[in-house]
Amino acid sequence: MRRSATHEGVFATKPNFLIVGAAKSGTTSLDRYLDQHPEIYMAPRKETHYFAAPEMPEKFEGPGDEAFTANLIRDEAEYAAMFERVNQEKAIGESSVYYLYYPGCAERIARQVDVKIIMVLRNPVERAYSAYMHLVRDGRETLDFAEALQQEAERNRKRYQPLWLYREVGQYAEQVERYLHVFGERNVKIVSYDEFNRETQRVLRDIFSFLGVDPDVKVDTSVRYNATGVPIGGLYDIATQSNWLTRLLKPLVPSSVRTKLRLKAKNMTMQRKPLDDEIRQWLRSQFQEEVRHLHEVVRRPVFKWR
């Protein structure tokens, strides 16, 4: 079913596409890659969640959630200001990963802006563990994964931000179904995280075509953004914090090069801790019916998850 064209609100320049999620599925990398295309404008702030804000509490209460809360935009004028620097770009985008999760977002978006939708979906078992490791990386998650899974409902009740909801955010079927119902299949691009990782340039070409921009533009995909893992002691601190080396390089090396070097160094100073096989099997059993439902919703073999 195609959305109605009753767009509320006033924007001098409106986004015409949104990356809506899912969290921990490569959306930061996708955002950065799209931003390199000369015909694409990406909002300078990611995760403002303007269209989800009415469903969010005034503030989230989990450890370290203050930064997430502070980044939210609830004011229309502040949101519109993110697009003031649009020049001649054809595709104007914004990324907020919980647009997919919150049930009222699809309808709310459709009432205010005329957009295409991009979503990246990851195997929900791997996505859940990546979210967990993200919080471990940042020193916010102190429980082991099994204990953290048991605490999910309680954390939700206590208004932790959705990043802590390892299982619930991966319940994709109804989330995807809402967007297909509101925007129609032609206006929703569903991307497999595995394909995006494995065939990045081909997937980007498909997305460029979907957005109506030159599909032959090549962008730098050598860096993976927002990777997770267990920090390796002082090496991670050196890679992520200002120090004598970063201060020495600042006047000598262009900002874009420094950013790439910092991200590569950061990724190299994290240890990938494998998911326990017993927990993996339990999560697979929990998601089995959900994945079957998802394939019924999308009506094509997008994913090759076990």
C-alpha atoms as a PDB file:
ATOM      1  CA  MET A   1       0.000   0.000   0.000  1.00  0.00           C
ATOM      2  CA  ARG A   2       1.439   3.384  -1.034  1.00  0.00           C
ATOM      3  CA  ARG A   3       1.601   6.125   1.568  1.00  0.00           C
ATOM      4  CA  SER A   4      -0.654   9.146   1.429  1.00  0.00           C
ATOM      5  CA  ALA A   5       0.900  12.457   0.375  1.00  0.00           C
ATOM      6  CA  THR A   6      -0.366  14.517   3.321  1.00  0.00           C
ATOM      7  CA  HIS A   7       3.002  15.792   4.535  1.00  0.00           C
ATOM      8  CA  GLU A   8       2.825  17.891   7.676  1.00  0.00           C
ATOM      9  CA  GLY A   9       5.368  20.355   8.977  1.00  0.00           C
ATOM     10  CA  VAL A  10       7.548  22.910   7.226  1.00  0.00           C
ATOM     11  CA  PHE A  11      11.053  22.144   5.954  1.00  0.00           C
ATOM     12  CA  ALA A  12      12.996  24.498   3.676  1.00  0.00           C
ATOM     13  CA  THR A  13      14.760  21.405   2.313  1.00  0.00           C
ATOM     14  CA  LYS A  14      13.489  17.933   3.070  1.00  0.00           C
ATOM     15  CA  PRO A  15      15.283  14.591   3.094  1.00  0.00           C
ATOM     16  CA  ASN A  16      14.151  12.331   0.277  1.00  0.00           C
ATOM     17  CA  PHE A  17      15.574   9.120   1.701  1.00  0.00           C
ATOM     18  CA  LEU A  18      16.201   7.658   5.155  1.00  0.00           C
ATOM     19  CA  ILE A  19      18.416   4.854   6.441  1.00  0.00           C
ATOM     20  CA  VAL A  20      16.142   3.407   9.124  1.00  0.00           C
ATOM     21  CA  GLY A  21      18.268   0.582  10.565  1.00  0.00           C
ATOM     22  CA  ALA A  22      18.868  -1.957  11.789  1.00  0.00           C
ATOM     23  CA  ALA A  23      21.272  -1.071  14.586  1.00  0.00           C
ATOM     24  CA  LYS A  24      24.676  -2.820  14.413  1.00  0.00           C
ATOM     25  CA  SER A  25      24.130  -3.779  10.773  1.00  0.00           C
ATOM     26  CA  GLY A  26      26.679  -1.593   9.016  1.00  0.00           C
ATOM     27  CA  THR A  27      24.581   1.566   8.835  1.00  0.00           C
ATOM     28  CA  THR A  28      27.433   3.846   9.960  1.00  0.00           C
ATOM     29  CA  SER A  29      29.648   2.542   7.170  1.00  0.00           C
ATOM     30  CA  LEU A  30      26.797   2.909   4.671  1.00  0.00           C
ATOM     31  CA  ASP A  31      26.166   6.483   5.829  1.00  0.00           C
ATOM     32  CA  ARG A  32      29.844   7.394   5.388  1.00  0.00           C
ATOM     33  CA  TYR A  33      30.101   5.733   1.978  1.00  0.00           C
ATOM     34  CA  LEU A  34      26.986   7.444   0.629  1.00  0.00           C
ATOM     35  CA  ASP A  35      28.304  10.775   1.880  1.00  0.00           C
ATOM     36  CA  GLN A  36      31.246  10.459  -0.532  1.00  0.00           C
ATOM     37  CA  HIS A  37      28.966  10.455  -3.592  1.00  0.00           C
ATOM     38  CA  PRO A  38      28.864  13.949  -5.152  1.00  0.00           C
ATOM     39  CA  GLU A  39      25.132  13.685  -5.832  1.00  0.00           C
ATOM     40  CA  ILE A  40      24.229  12.612  -2.283  1.00  0.00           C
ATOM     41  CA  TYR A  41      23.916  14.814   0.773  1.00  0.00           C
ATOM     42  CA  MET A  42      23.967  13.084   4.152  1.00  0.00           C
ATOM     43  CA  ALA A  43      22.854  14.930   7.294  1.00  0.00           C
ATOM     44  CA  PRO A  44      25.919  15.833   9.384  1.00  0.00           C
ATOM     45  CA  ARG A  45      24.506  14.175  12.520  1.00  0.00           C
ATOM     46  CA  LYS A  46      23.581  10.498  12.608  1.00  0.00           C
ATOM     47  CA  GLU A  47      21.107   8.999  15.097  1.00  0.00           C
ATOM     48  CA  THR A  48      19.080  12.148  15.786  1.00  0.00           C
ATOM     49  CA  HIS A  49      15.896  10.042  15.683  1.00  0.00           C
ATOM     50  CA  TYR A  50      13.659  13.016  15.014  1.00  0.00           C
ATOM     51  CA  PHE A  51      10.767  10.890  13.737  1.00  0.00           C
ATOM     52  CA  ALA A  52      11.073   8.430  16.628  1.00  0.00           C
ATOM     53  CA  ALA A  53      11.314  11.033  19.392  1.00  0.00           C
ATOM     54  CA  PRO A  54       7.565  11.107  20.190  1.00  0.00           C
ATOM     55  CA  GLU A  55       7.792   7.432  21.218  1.00  0.00           C
ATOM     56  CA  MET A  56      10.955   7.879  23.268  1.00  0.00           C
ATOM     57  CA  PRO A  57      11.172   8.837  26.947  1.00  0.00           C
ATOM     58  CA  GLU A  58      12.443  12.288  27.852  1.00  0.00           C
ATOM     59  CA  LYS A  59      15.751  10.627  28.641  1.00  0.00           C
ATOM     60  CA  PHE A  60      17.157   7.102  28.575  1.00  0.00           C
ATOM     61  CA  GLU A  61      18.429   5.690  31.847  1.00  0.00           C
ATOM     62  CA  GLY A  62      20.999   3.025  30.947  1.00  0.00           C
ATOM     63  CA  PRO A  63      24.696   3.459  31.839  1.00  0.00           C
ATOM     64  CA  GLY A  64      26.186   5.888  29.328  1.00  0.00           C
ATOM     65  CA  ASP A  65      22.843   6.580  27.632  1.00  0.00           C
ATOM     66  CA  GLU A  66      23.265  10.301  28.317  1.00  0.00           C
ATOM     67  CA  ALA A  67      25.175  10.852  25.071  1.00  0.00           C
ATOM     68  CA  PHE A  68      22.463   9.118  23.037  1.00  0.00           C
ATOM     69  CA  THR A  69      19.768  11.217  24.695  1.00  0.00           C
ATOM     70  CA  ALA A  70      21.736  14.422  24.117  1.00  0.00           C
ATOM     71  CA  ASN A  71      22.045  13.675  20.393  1.00  0.00           C
ATOM     72  CA  LEU A  72      18.281  13.345  19.856  1.00  0.00           C
ATOM     73  CA  ILE A  73      16.460  16.084  17.962  1.00  0.00           C
ATOM     74  CA  ARG A  74      12.887  16.806  19.016  1.00  0.00           C
ATOM     75  CA  ASP A  75      12.511  20.285  17.524  1.00  0.00           C
ATOM     76  CA  GLU A  76      11.430  20.646  13.892  1.00  0.00           C
ATOM     77  CA  ALA A  77      13.541  23.726  13.246  1.00  0.00           C
ATOM     78  CA  GLU A  78      16.648  22.025  14.632  1.00  0.00           C
ATOM     79  CA  TYR A  79      16.020  19.001  12.424  1.00  0.00           C
ATOM     80  CA  ALA A  80      15.433  21.179   9.349  1.00  0.00           C
ATOM     81  CA  ALA A  81      18.730  22.978  10.028  1.00  0.00           C
ATOM     82  CA  MET A  82      20.612  19.750   9.259  1.00  0.00           C
ATOM     83  CA  PHE A  83      19.664  20.205   5.598  1.00  0.00           C
ATOM     84  CA  GLU A  84      20.462  23.905   5.211  1.00  0.00           C
ATOM     85  CA  ARG A  85      23.738  23.179   3.416  1.00  0.00           C
ATOM     86  CA  VAL A  86      22.153  21.104   0.659  1.00  0.00           C
ATOM     87  CA  ASN A  87      23.343  22.466  -2.666  1.00  0.00           C
ATOM     88  CA  GLN A  88      22.558  20.656  -5.909  1.00  0.00           C
ATOM     89  CA  GLU A  89      22.535  17.099  -4.541  1.00  0.00           C
ATOM     90  CA  LYS A  90      19.791  14.867  -5.933  1.00  0.00           C
ATOM     91  CA  ALA A  91      19.538  12.513  -2.959  1.00  0.00           C
ATOM     92  CA  ILE A  92      19.224  14.002   0.526  1.00  0.00           C
ATOM     93  CA  GLY A  93      19.474  11.527   3.374  1.00  0.00           C
ATOM     94  CA  GLU A  94      19.508  10.985   7.093  1.00  0.00           C
ATOM     95  CA  SER A  95      20.311   7.902   9.207  1.00  0.00           C
ATOM     96  CA  SER A  96      18.666   6.853  12.482  1.00  0.00           C
ATOM     97  CA  VAL A  97      18.731   3.154  13.269  1.00  0.00           C
ATOM     98  CA  TYR A  98      15.706   2.977  15.556  1.00  0.00           C
ATOM     99  CA  TYR A  99      13.264   4.310  12.992  1.00  0.00           C
ATOM    100  CA  LEU A 100      12.860   0.641  12.113  1.00  0.00           C
ATOM    101  CA  TYR A 101      12.284  -0.429  15.709  1.00  0.00           C
ATOM    102  CA  TYR A 102       9.671   2.067  16.920  1.00  0.00           C
ATOM    103  CA  PRO A 103       6.217   1.079  15.622  1.00  0.00           C
ATOM    104  CA  GLY A 104       4.869   4.560  14.925  1.00  0.00           C
ATOM    105  CA  CYS A 105       7.797   5.779  12.833  1.00  0.00           C
ATOM    106  CA  ALA A 106       6.754   4.643   9.370  1.00  0.00           C
ATOM    107  CA  GLU A 107       3.413   6.452   9.500  1.00  0.00           C
ATOM    108  CA  ARG A 108       4.954   9.503  11.169  1.00  0.00           C
ATOM    109  CA  ILE A 109       7.655   9.767   8.491  1.00  0.00           C
ATOM    110  CA  ALA A 110       5.128   9.408   5.683  1.00  0.00           C
ATOM    111  CA  ARG A 111       3.014  12.253   7.068  1.00  0.00           C
ATOM    112  CA  GLN A 112       5.928  14.692   7.058  1.00  0.00           C
ATOM    113  CA  VAL A 113       8.306  13.866   4.208  1.00  0.00           C
ATOM    114  CA  ASP A 114       8.242  12.071   0.858  1.00  0.00           C
ATOM    115  CA  VAL A 115      11.128   9.609   1.113  1.00  0.00           C
ATOM    116  CA  LYS A 116      12.575   6.331  -0.023  1.00  0.00           C
ATOM    117  CA  ILE A 117      13.611   3.887   2.693  1.00  0.00           C
ATOM    118  CA  ILE A 118      16.850   1.927   3.048  1.00  0.00           C
ATOM    119  CA  MET A 119      17.272  -0.769   5.673  1.00  0.00           C
ATOM    120  CA  VAL A 120      20.188  -3.127   6.302  1.00  0.00           C
ATOM    121  CA  LEU A 121      19.294  -6.362   8.063  1.00  0.00           C
ATOM    122  CA  ARG A 122      21.805  -8.623   9.766  1.00  0.00           C
ATOM    123  CA  ASN A 123      21.442 -12.150  11.055  1.00  0.00           C
ATOM    124  CA  PRO A 124      19.625 -11.381  14.338  1.00  0.00           C
ATOM    125  CA  VAL A 125      21.905 -13.669  16.352  1.00  0.00           C
ATOM    126  CA  GLU A 126      25.020 -11.878  15.106  1.00  0.00           C
ATOM    127  CA  ARG A 127      23.323  -8.484  15.442  1.00  0.00           C
ATOM    128  CA  ALA A 128      22.433  -9.159  19.083  1.00  0.00           C
ATOM    129  CA  TYR A 129      25.985 -10.154  19.945  1.00  0.00           C
ATOM    130  CA  SER A 130      27.437  -7.164  18.087  1.00  0.00           C
ATOM    131  CA  ALA A 131      25.204  -4.822  20.102  1.00  0.00           C
ATOM    132  CA  TYR A 132      26.408  -6.512  23.278  1.00  0.00           C
ATOM    133  CA  MET A 133      30.061  -6.188  22.238  1.00  0.00           C
ATOM    134  CA  HIS A 134      29.507  -2.532  21.327  1.00  0.00           C
ATOM    135  CA  LEU A 135      28.514  -1.826  24.934  1.00  0.00           C
ATOM    136  CA  VAL A 136      31.382  -3.970  26.239  1.00  0.00           C
ATOM    137  CA  ARG A 137      33.772  -1.978  24.051  1.00  0.00           C
ATOM    138  CA  ASP A 138      32.521   1.270  25.549  1.00  0.00           C
ATOM    139  CA  GLY A 139      32.774  -0.016  29.137  1.00  0.00           C
ATOM    140  CA  ARG A 140      29.010   0.173  29.684  1.00  0.00           C
ATOM    141  CA  GLU A 141      28.048  -3.526  29.704  1.00  0.00           C
ATOM    142  CA  THR A 142      29.407  -5.381  32.749  1.00  0.00           C
ATOM    143  CA  LEU A 143      27.415  -8.634  32.593  1.00  0.00           C
ATOM    144  CA  ASP A 144      28.312 -11.664  30.523  1.00  0.00           C
ATOM    145  CA  PHE A 145      26.126 -12.186  27.455  1.00  0.00           C
ATOM    146  CA  ALA A 146      23.885 -14.859  28.980  1.00  0.00           C
ATOM    147  CA  GLU A 147      23.152 -12.700  32.030  1.00  0.00           C
ATOM    148  CA  ALA A 148      22.585  -9.633  29.857  1.00  0.00           C
ATOM    149  CA  LEU A 149      19.999 -11.513  27.780  1.00  0.00           C
ATOM    150  CA  GLN A 150      18.144 -12.435  30.965  1.00  0.00           C
ATOM    151  CA  GLN A 151      18.109  -8.777  32.046  1.00  0.00           C
ATOM    152  CA  GLU A 152      16.687  -7.452  28.785  1.00  0.00           C
ATOM    153  CA  ALA A 153      13.049  -7.117  29.879  1.00  0.00           C
ATOM    154  CA  GLU A 154      14.072  -5.400  33.121  1.00  0.00           C
ATOM    155  CA  ARG A 155      16.347  -3.004  31.284  1.00  0.00           C
ATOM    156  CA  ASN A 156      13.546  -2.152  28.885  1.00  0.00           C
ATOM    157  CA  ARG A 157      11.274  -1.421  31.847  1.00  0.00           C
ATOM    158  CA  LYS A 158      13.954   0.857  33.299  1.00  0.00           C
ATOM    159  CA  ARG A 159      14.142   2.816  30.029  1.00  0.00           C
ATOM    160  CA  TYR A 160      17.543   1.720  28.756  1.00  0.00           C
ATOM    161  CA  GLN A 161      18.046   2.795  25.151  1.00  0.00           C
ATOM    162  CA  PRO A 162      17.200   0.141  22.506  1.00  0.00           C
ATOM    163  CA  LEU A 163      20.878  -0.775  21.997  1.00  0.00           C
ATOM    164  CA  TRP A 164      20.566  -2.807  25.221  1.00  0.00           C
ATOM    165  CA  LEU A 165      17.601  -4.790  23.846  1.00  0.00           C
ATOM    166  CA  TYR A 166      19.692  -7.449  22.165  1.00  0.00           C
ATOM    167  CA  ARG A 167      16.862  -9.802  21.186  1.00  0.00           C
ATOM    168  CA  GLU A 168      13.951  -7.427  20.792  1.00  0.00           C
ATOM    169  CA  VAL A 169      15.567  -5.127  18.204  1.00  0.00           C
ATOM    170  CA  GLY A 170      16.209  -8.192  16.022  1.00  0.00           C
ATOM    171  CA  GLN A 171      12.495  -9.026  15.744  1.00  0.00           C
ATOM    172  CA  TYR A 172      12.483  -7.748  12.177  1.00  0.00           C
ATOM    173  CA  ALA A 173       9.347  -9.169  10.585  1.00  0.00           C
ATOM    174  CA  GLU A 174       6.753  -6.719  11.905  1.00  0.00           C
ATOM    175  CA  GLN A 175       9.213  -3.846  11.640  1.00  0.00           C
ATOM    176  CA  VAL A 176       9.809  -4.495   7.938  1.00  0.00           C
ATOM    177  CA  GLU A 177       6.152  -5.230   7.272  1.00  0.00           C
ATOM    178  CA  ARG A 178       5.155  -1.778   8.554  1.00  0.00           C
ATOM    179  CA  TYR A 179       7.457  -0.011   6.092  1.00  0.00           C
ATOM    180  CA  LEU A 180       6.382  -2.149   3.150  1.00  0.00           C
ATOM    181  CA  HIS A 181       2.747  -1.436   3.996  1.00  0.00           C
ATOM    182  CA  VAL A 182       3.218   2.333   4.342  1.00  0.00           C
ATOM    183  CA  PHE A 183       5.774   3.009   1.584  1.00  0.00           C
ATOM    184  CA  GLY A 184       5.275   0.152  -0.882  1.00  0.00           C
ATOM    185  CA  GLU A 185       7.887  -2.326  -2.090  1.00  0.00           C
ATOM    186  CA  ARG A 186       9.237  -0.043  -4.842  1.00  0.00           C
ATOM    187  CA  ASN A 187      10.235   2.581  -2.273  1.00  0.00           C
ATOM    188  CA  VAL A 188      11.901   0.269   0.256  1.00  0.00           C
ATOM    189  CA  LYS A 189      15.409  -1.055  -0.359  1.00  0.00           C
ATOM    190  CA  ILE A 190      16.224  -4.052   1.861  1.00  0.00           C
ATOM    191  CA  VAL A 191      19.950  -4.780   2.017  1.00  0.00           C
ATOM    192  CA  SER A 192      21.572  -7.937   3.368  1.00  0.00           C
ATOM    193  CA  TYR A 193      24.371  -7.096   5.792  1.00  0.00           C
ATOM    194  CA  ASP A 194      26.332 -10.139   4.627  1.00  0.00           C
ATOM    195  CA  GLU A 195      26.181  -9.030   0.994  1.00  0.00           C
ATOM    196  CA  PHE A 196      27.052  -5.470   1.971  1.00  0.00           C
ATOM    197  CA  ASN A 197      30.177  -6.760   3.740  1.00  0.00           C
ATOM    198  CA  ARG A 198      31.120  -9.205   1.011  1.00  0.00           C
ATOM    199  CA  GLU A 199      30.216  -7.252  -2.149  1.00  0.00           C
ATOM    200  CA  THR A 200      30.284  -3.664  -0.948  1.00  0.00           C
ATOM    201  CA  GLN A 201      30.791  -1.953  -4.304  1.00  0.00           C
ATOM    202  CA  ARG A 202      28.037  -3.951  -6.003  1.00  0.00           C
ATOM    203  CA  VAL A 203      25.586  -3.248  -3.188  1.00  0.00           C
ATOM    204  CA  LEU A 204      26.467   0.451  -3.257  1.00  0.00           C
ATOM    205  CA  ARG A 205      25.871   0.512  -6.995  1.00  0.00           C
ATOM    206  CA  ASP A 206      22.385  -0.953  -6.417  1.00  0.00           C
ATOM    207  CA  ILE A 207      21.680   1.656  -3.747  1.00  0.00           C
ATOM    208  CA  PHE A 208      22.897   4.483  -6.001  1.00  0.00           C
ATOM    209  CA  SER A 209      20.501   3.291  -8.708  1.00  0.00           C
ATOM    210  CA  PHE A 210      17.678   3.072  -6.169  1.00  0.00           C
ATOM    211  CA  LEU A 211      18.357   6.696  -5.160  1.00  0.00           C
ATOM    212  CA  GLY A 212      18.528   7.907  -8.758  1.00  0.00           C
ATOM    213  CA  VAL A 213      22.166   9.021  -8.705  1.00  0.00           C
ATOM    214  CA  ASP A 214      25.107   7.997 -10.892  1.00  0.00           C
ATOM    215  CA  PRO A 215      25.680   4.294 -10.115  1.00  0.00           C
ATOM    216  CA  ASP A 216      29.216   4.272 -11.517  1.00  0.00           C
ATOM    217  CA  VAL A 217      30.772   6.556  -8.888  1.00  0.00           C
ATOM    218  CA  LYS A 218      33.457   4.748  -6.889  1.00  0.00           C
ATOM    219  CA  VAL A 219      33.834   5.537  -3.197  1.00  0.00           C
ATOM    220  CA  ASP A 220      36.456   4.550  -0.641  1.00  0.00           C
ATOM    221  CA  THR A 221      35.211   1.536   1.323  1.00  0.00           C
ATOM    222  CA  SER A 222      38.546   0.580   2.882  1.00  0.00           C
ATOM    223  CA  VAL A 223      37.421   1.496   6.413  1.00  0.00           C
ATOM    224  CA  ARG A 224      34.714  -0.230   8.443  1.00  0.00           C
ATOM    225  CA  TYR A 225      33.060   2.174  10.848  1.00  0.00           C
ATOM    226  CA  ASN A 226      31.830   1.519  14.393  1.00  0.00           C
ATOM    227  CA  ALA A 227      33.420  -1.927  14.675  1.00  0.00           C
ATOM    228  CA  THR A 228      33.121  -3.785  17.965  1.00  0.00           C
ATOM    229  CA  GLY A 229      35.362  -5.940  20.092  1.00  0.00           C
ATOM    230  CA  VAL A 230      37.186  -6.082  23.414  1.00  0.00           C
ATOM    231  CA  PRO A 231      39.683  -3.196  23.671  1.00  0.00           C
ATOM    232  CA  ILE A 232      43.307  -4.262  24.015  1.00  0.00           C
ATOM    233  CA  GLY A 233      44.412  -2.262  27.041  1.00  0.00           C
ATOM    234  CA  GLY A 234      46.475   0.836  26.441  1.00  0.00           C
ATOM    235  CA  LEU A 235      46.659   0.327  22.678  1.00  0.00           C
ATOM    236  CA  TYR A 236      42.952   1.128  22.309  1.00  0.00           C
ATOM    237  CA  ASP A 237      43.352   4.266  24.405  1.00  0.00           C
ATOM    238  CA  ILE A 238      46.260   5.414  22.236  1.00  0.00           C
ATOM    239  CA  ALA A 239      44.198   4.841  19.085  1.00  0.00           C
ATOM    240  CA  THR A 240      41.064   6.603  20.313  1.00  0.00           C
ATOM    241  CA  GLN A 241      42.243   9.451  22.541  1.00  0.00           C
ATOM    242  CA  SER A 242      44.195  12.619  21.924  1.00  0.00           C
ATOM    243  CA  ASN A 243      47.893  12.164  22.685  1.00  0.00           C
ATOM    244  CA  TRP A 244      51.302  13.470  21.652  1.00  0.00           C
ATOM    245  CA  LEU A 245      51.211  11.501  18.380  1.00  0.00           C
ATOM    246  CA  THR A 246      47.808  12.803  17.275  1.00  0.00           C
ATOM    247  CA  ARG A 247      48.829  16.346  18.198  1.00  0.00           C
ATOM    248  CA  LEU A 248      52.037  15.957  16.176  1.00  0.00           C
ATOM    249  CA  LEU A 249      50.181  14.678  13.100  1.00  0.00           C
ATOM    250  CA  LYS A 250      47.350  17.224  13.189  1.00  0.00           C
ATOM    251  CA  PRO A 251      49.115  20.099  11.367  1.00  0.00           C
ATOM    252  CA  LEU A 252      50.920  17.727   8.985  1.00  0.00           C
ATOM    253  CA  VAL A 253      48.192  15.333   7.823  1.00  0.00           C
ATOM    254  CA  PRO A 254      44.822  16.255   6.235  1.00  0.00           C
ATOM    255  CA  SER A 255      41.752  15.684   8.412  1.00  0.00           C
ATOM    256  CA  SER A 256      40.299  12.969   6.134  1.00  0.00           C
ATOM    257  CA  VAL A 257      43.555  11.005   6.240  1.00  0.00           C
ATOM    258  CA  ARG A 258      43.828  11.355  10.024  1.00  0.00           C
ATOM    259  CA  THR A 259      40.278  10.059  10.404  1.00  0.00           C
ATOM    260  CA  LYS A 260      41.006   7.010   8.261  1.00  0.00           C
ATOM    261  CA  LEU A 261      44.233   6.241  10.129  1.00  0.00           C
ATOM    262  CA  ARG A 262      42.522   6.639  13.490  1.00  0.00           C
ATOM    263  CA  LEU A 263      39.688   4.284  12.544  1.00  0.00           C
ATOM    264  CA  LYS A 264      42.044   1.655  11.176  1.00  0.00           C
ATOM    265  CA  ALA A 265      44.176   1.864  14.311  1.00  0.00           C
ATOM    266  CA  LYS A 266      41.068   1.636  16.481  1.00  0.00           C
ATOM    267  CA  ASN A 267      39.867  -1.482  14.656  1.00  0.00           C
ATOM    268  CA  MET A 268      43.298  -3.072  15.019  1.00  0.00           C
ATOM    269  CA  THR A 269      43.323  -2.565  18.801  1.00  0.00           C
ATOM    270  CA  MET A 270      40.151  -4.555  19.482  1.00  0.00           C
ATOM    271  CA  GLN A 271      40.030  -8.292  19.986  1.00  0.00           C
ATOM    272  CA  ARG A 272      37.114 -10.210  18.459  1.00  0.00           C
ATOM    273  CA  LYS A 273      35.697 -12.496  21.125  1.00  0.00           C
ATOM    274  CA  PRO A 274      33.669 -15.358  19.583  1.00  0.00           C
ATOM    275  CA  LEU A 275      30.099 -15.996  20.646  1.00  0.00           C
ATOM    276  CA  ASP A 276      29.666 -19.029  22.886  1.00  0.00           C
ATOM    277  CA  ASP A 277      28.264 -21.947  20.833  1.00  0.00           C
ATOM    278  CA  GLU A 278      25.636 -22.861  23.414  1.00  0.00           C
ATOM    279  CA  ILE A 279      24.265 -19.319  23.507  1.00  0.00           C
ATOM    280  CA  ARG A 280      24.399 -19.158  19.713  1.00  0.00           C
ATOM    281  CA  GLN A 281      22.270 -22.284  19.404  1.00  0.00           C
ATOM    282  CA  TRP A 282      19.786 -20.990  21.972  1.00  0.00           C
ATOM    283  CA  LEU A 283      19.439 -17.674  20.151  1.00  0.00           C
ATOM    284  CA  ARG A 284      18.951 -19.475  16.844  1.00  0.00           C
ATOM    285  CA  SER A 285      16.057 -21.377  18.339  1.00  0.00           C
ATOM    286  CA  GLN A 286      14.594 -18.120  19.655  1.00  0.00           C
ATOM    287  CA  PHE A 287      14.786 -16.424  16.269  1.00  0.00           C
ATOM    288  CA  GLN A 288      13.846 -19.391  14.067  1.00  0.00           C
ATOM    289  CA  GLU A 289      10.150 -18.548  13.745  1.00  0.00           C
ATOM    290  CA  GLU A 290      10.895 -14.836  13.432  1.00  0.00           C
ATOM    291  CA  VAL A 291      13.212 -15.409  10.466  1.00  0.00           C
ATOM    292  CA  ARG A 292      10.635 -17.623   8.783  1.00  0.00           C
ATOM    293  CA  HIS A 293       8.051 -14.858   9.201  1.00  0.00           C
ATOM    294  CA  LEU A 294      10.483 -12.287   7.806  1.00  0.00           C
ATOM    295  CA  HIS A 295      10.971 -14.287   4.621  1.00  0.00           C
ATOM    296  CA  GLU A 296       7.208 -14.470   4.201  1.00  0.00           C
ATOM    297  CA  VAL A 297       7.019 -10.684   4.579  1.00  0.00           C
ATOM    298  CA  VAL A 298       9.712  -9.847   2.010  1.00  0.00           C
ATOM    299  CA  ARG A 299       8.550 -12.647  -0.334  1.00  0.00           C
ATOM    300  CA  ARG A 300      11.980 -13.242  -1.802  1.00  0.00           C
ATOM    301  CA  PRO A 301      15.180 -14.982  -0.624  1.00  0.00           C
ATOM    302  CA  VAL A 302      17.049 -11.884   0.585  1.00  0.00           C
ATOM    303  CA  PHE A 303      18.829 -13.594   3.446  1.00  0.00           C
ATOM    304  CA  LYS A 304      20.797 -16.823   3.758  1.00  0.00           C
ATOM    305  CA  TRP A 305      20.749 -17.090   7.517  1.00  0.00           C
ATOM    306  CA  ARG A 306      20.822 -20.479   9.158  1.00  0.00           C
END
